[in-house]
């Protein structure tokens, strides 16, 4: 089994050029934003724990909680398992997020093995954790594992940008977007990165629906 990844900007640019051949409308976005940042991270337990903490919080609030937990050395599976709920609450975690993070620790995921698993298997493994949905799993595929063919159809910014790119009259549903963008395979990660960049460009240039 061959796992397709994007490891650097040169490879991303190659994927973008192939995507433009399939869908020429991306040429304008490419002209606007160039080659987007890959935004890669190391992945692992801490990356997913931070993702859980950040759910429905501002970046500043999530960063503050993470810093408190980090200062207290409460960012490893063993530390989470050993700490009681009151301790975790005192560092800013809600009861719901304590439950989610305990589930993550209890699943004892082999993060190295994720690198060799199919995208669908990674999604199944991660979404088995309470509090991790498909969107979070797809972000892990994109930014932690560097997978080459991931389109985050549940992401609002991508749906808004795709509506503009494809000249649709209304924002597509995730299912509609999934069907409409199947021809973009196997370069859908490049499409995701371009659409996010295009969304940022649109927000700077004009008022867009949210």
Protein backbone atom coordinates (compact mmCIF):
# COMPACT_ATOMS: atom_id res chain seq x y z
CA UNK A 1 0.00 0.00 0.00
CA UNK A 2 1.38 3.38 -1.02
CA UNK A 3 0.64 6.32 1.31
CA UNK A 4 0.60 9.59 -0.63
CA UNK A 5 1.88 12.62 1.29
CA UNK A 6 3.00 16.19 0.68
CA UNK A 7 6.32 16.82 2.43
CA UNK A 8 7.34 20.31 1.33
CA UNK A 9 6.27 23.38 -0.65
CA UNK A 10 7.82 22.10 -3.85
CA UNK A 11 5.67 18.95 -3.67
CA UNK A 12 2.63 21.06 -2.81
CA UNK A 13 3.27 23.22 -5.86
CA UNK A 14 3.43 20.10 -8.03
CA UNK A 15 0.07 19.00 -6.65
CA UNK A 16 -1.39 22.47 -7.24
CA UNK A 17 -0.32 22.43 -10.89
CA UNK A 18 -1.92 19.00 -11.34
CA UNK A 19 -5.08 20.27 -9.62
CA UNK A 20 -5.24 23.29 -11.94
CA UNK A 21 -5.09 20.93 -14.91
CA UNK A 22 -8.17 19.13 -13.54
CA UNK A 23 -9.99 22.30 -12.38
CA UNK A 24 -8.65 25.43 -14.15
CA UNK A 25 -10.64 27.72 -11.84
CA UNK A 26 -7.93 27.16 -9.22
CA UNK A 27 -5.48 29.09 -11.42
CA UNK A 28 -6.94 32.41 -10.25
CA UNK A 29 -6.66 31.42 -6.58
CA UNK A 30 -3.08 30.30 -7.18
CA UNK A 31 -2.35 33.69 -8.75
CA UNK A 32 -3.90 35.42 -5.73
CA UNK A 33 -2.29 33.47 -2.89
CA UNK A 34 0.65 31.53 -4.35
CA UNK A 35 1.73 28.31 -2.63
CA UNK A 36 0.04 28.17 0.80
CA UNK A 37 1.85 27.30 4.02
CA UNK A 38 1.74 23.57 4.75
CA UNK A 39 1.08 24.32 8.45
CA UNK A 40 2.63 21.01 9.49
CA UNK A 41 2.81 19.93 13.14
CA UNK A 42 4.33 16.95 14.94
CA UNK A 43 1.04 15.29 15.78
CA UNK A 44 0.70 12.82 18.64
CA UNK A 45 -1.23 12.93 21.90
CA UNK A 46 -0.50 16.56 22.66
CA UNK A 47 -1.69 17.76 19.25
CA UNK A 48 -5.05 16.01 19.67
CA UNK A 49 -5.35 17.14 23.28
CA UNK A 50 -4.84 20.74 22.15
CA UNK A 51 -7.45 20.25 19.43
CA UNK A 52 -9.96 19.03 22.03
CA UNK A 53 -9.19 21.95 24.34
CA UNK A 54 -9.66 24.39 21.47
CA UNK A 55 -13.16 23.22 20.59
CA UNK A 56 -15.67 26.09 20.90
CA UNK A 57 -13.08 28.37 22.52
CA UNK A 58 -11.22 31.40 21.25
CA UNK A 59 -7.57 30.92 20.36
CA UNK A 60 -6.57 33.07 23.34
CA UNK A 61 -8.69 31.12 25.83
CA UNK A 62 -7.48 27.76 24.54
CA UNK A 63 -3.85 28.91 24.64
CA UNK A 64 -4.27 30.09 28.23
CA UNK A 65 -5.67 26.74 29.36
CA UNK A 66 -2.97 24.84 27.50
CA UNK A 67 -0.26 26.94 29.13
CA UNK A 68 -1.67 26.22 32.60
CA UNK A 69 -1.76 22.49 31.89
CA UNK A 70 1.70 22.54 30.37
CA UNK A 71 3.17 24.41 33.35
CA UNK A 72 1.64 21.77 35.62
CA UNK A 73 2.95 18.88 33.46
CA UNK A 74 -0.60 17.73 32.73
CA UNK A 75 -0.20 17.10 29.01
CA UNK A 76 0.69 13.41 28.81
CA UNK A 77 -1.58 10.34 28.86
CA UNK A 78 -0.13 9.16 32.19
CA UNK A 79 -0.52 12.57 33.82
CA UNK A 80 -4.13 12.83 32.66
CA UNK A 81 -4.91 9.32 33.91
CA UNK A 82 -3.38 10.01 37.32
CA UNK A 83 -4.92 13.46 37.88
CA UNK A 84 -8.35 13.70 39.49
CA UNK A 85 -11.17 15.73 37.96
CA UNK A 86 -10.87 18.56 40.48
CA UNK A 87 -7.22 19.02 39.60
CA UNK A 88 -8.00 19.21 35.88
CA UNK A 89 -10.92 21.57 36.50
CA UNK A 90 -8.67 23.87 38.49
CA UNK A 91 -6.49 24.24 35.39
CA UNK A 92 -9.39 25.37 33.21
CA UNK A 93 -10.92 22.20 31.78
CA UNK A 94 -14.69 21.73 31.74
CA UNK A 95 -16.20 18.43 32.81
CA UNK A 96 -17.00 17.62 29.19
CA UNK A 97 -13.44 18.24 28.03
CA UNK A 98 -12.06 16.23 30.95
CA UNK A 99 -14.17 13.32 29.72
CA UNK A 100 -12.91 13.78 26.16
CA UNK A 101 -9.24 14.00 27.17
CA UNK A 102 -9.55 10.98 29.45
CA UNK A 103 -11.02 9.08 26.50
CA UNK A 104 -8.04 10.12 24.36
CA UNK A 105 -5.60 8.93 27.02
CA UNK A 106 -7.49 5.66 27.54
CA UNK A 107 -7.41 4.75 23.84
CA UNK A 108 -3.60 4.56 23.99
CA UNK A 109 -3.23 5.30 20.28
CA UNK A 110 -0.01 4.20 18.59
CA UNK A 111 0.72 7.47 16.81
CA UNK A 112 3.69 6.06 14.90
CA UNK A 113 1.45 3.39 13.37
CA UNK A 114 -0.99 6.04 12.14
CA UNK A 115 1.68 7.05 9.62
CA UNK A 116 1.32 3.72 7.83
CA UNK A 117 -2.47 3.46 7.94
CA UNK A 118 -4.93 4.36 5.20
CA UNK A 119 -6.77 7.67 5.58
CA UNK A 120 -10.02 5.86 6.35
CA UNK A 121 -8.30 3.78 9.03
CA UNK A 122 -6.80 6.87 10.66
CA UNK A 123 -10.22 8.54 10.71
CA UNK A 124 -11.81 5.42 12.24
CA UNK A 125 -9.09 5.21 14.90
CA UNK A 126 -9.30 8.86 15.91
CA UNK A 127 -13.08 9.21 15.83
CA UNK A 128 -13.35 6.23 18.20
CA UNK A 129 -12.20 8.70 20.86
CA UNK A 130 -15.06 10.51 22.58
CA UNK A 131 -14.93 14.17 21.54
CA UNK A 132 -13.04 13.70 18.28
CA UNK A 133 -15.14 14.06 15.15
CA UNK A 134 -14.36 13.64 11.48
CA UNK A 135 -13.22 17.26 11.05
CA UNK A 136 -10.56 16.92 13.77
CA UNK A 137 -9.43 13.61 12.30
CA UNK A 138 -9.11 15.21 8.86
CA UNK A 139 -7.06 18.07 10.32
CA UNK A 140 -4.74 15.43 11.77
CA UNK A 141 -4.45 13.76 8.37
CA UNK A 142 -3.65 17.06 6.70
CA UNK A 143 -1.37 18.81 9.14
CA UNK A 144 0.14 16.04 11.27
CA UNK A 145 0.49 13.27 8.68
CA UNK A 146 0.72 15.40 5.53
CA UNK A 147 -1.73 13.27 3.56
CA UNK A 148 -2.22 14.33 -0.05
CA UNK A 149 -5.92 13.75 -0.74
CA UNK A 150 -8.01 15.21 2.08
CA UNK A 151 -10.82 17.69 1.46
CA UNK A 152 -12.40 18.91 4.69
CA UNK A 153 -15.96 19.21 3.38
CA UNK A 154 -17.36 19.93 6.87
CA UNK A 155 -15.19 23.04 7.19
CA UNK A 156 -17.22 26.23 6.86
CA UNK A 157 -14.42 28.27 5.27
CA UNK A 158 -13.85 25.62 2.61
CA UNK A 159 -17.55 25.45 1.80
CA UNK A 160 -17.80 29.24 1.48
CA UNK A 161 -14.68 29.43 -0.69
CA UNK A 162 -15.88 26.52 -2.84
CA UNK A 163 -19.24 28.25 -3.34
CA UNK A 164 -17.42 31.27 -4.77
CA UNK A 165 -14.93 29.22 -6.81
CA UNK A 166 -17.62 27.06 -8.41
CA UNK A 167 -20.06 29.97 -8.85
CA UNK A 168 -22.78 28.24 -6.84
CA UNK A 169 -25.90 30.11 -5.80
CA UNK A 170 -25.76 28.83 -2.23
CA UNK A 171 -23.29 27.25 0.13
CA UNK A 172 -22.92 23.53 -0.68
CA UNK A 173 -23.67 20.91 1.92
CA UNK A 174 -20.77 18.64 2.87
CA UNK A 175 -22.31 15.83 0.82
CA UNK A 176 -22.80 18.06 -2.21
CA UNK A 177 -19.23 19.31 -1.95
CA UNK A 178 -17.90 15.77 -1.58
CA UNK A 179 -19.65 14.72 -4.78
CA UNK A 180 -18.73 17.85 -6.73
CA UNK A 181 -15.02 17.59 -5.88
CA UNK A 182 -14.41 13.90 -6.48
CA UNK A 183 -12.70 14.73 -9.82
CA UNK A 184 -10.08 16.70 -7.84
CA UNK A 185 -8.64 13.47 -6.43
CA UNK A 186 -5.85 12.67 -5.67
CA UNK A 187 -4.97 16.34 -5.10
CA UNK A 188 -7.67 17.37 -2.65
CA UNK A 189 -5.27 18.42 0.11
CA UNK A 190 -3.87 21.03 -2.26
CA UNK A 191 -7.46 22.09 -2.92
CA UNK A 192 -8.14 22.40 0.82
CA UNK A 193 -5.09 24.57 1.38
CA UNK A 194 -5.91 26.79 -1.60
CA UNK A 195 -9.54 27.16 -0.54
CA UNK A 196 -8.56 28.17 3.00
CA UNK A 197 -6.17 30.74 1.58
CA UNK A 198 -8.85 31.96 -0.82
CA UNK A 199 -11.32 32.32 2.06
CA UNK A 200 -8.82 34.53 3.87
CA UNK A 201 -8.34 36.59 0.73
CA UNK A 202 -12.10 36.96 0.29
CA UNK A 203 -12.53 38.13 3.89
CA UNK A 204 -9.93 40.83 3.33
CA UNK A 205 -11.42 42.00 0.04
CA UNK A 206 -15.16 41.87 0.62
CA UNK A 207 -17.98 40.90 2.94
CA UNK A 208 -18.81 37.22 2.53
CA UNK A 209 -21.49 35.01 4.09
CA UNK A 210 -20.55 33.13 7.24
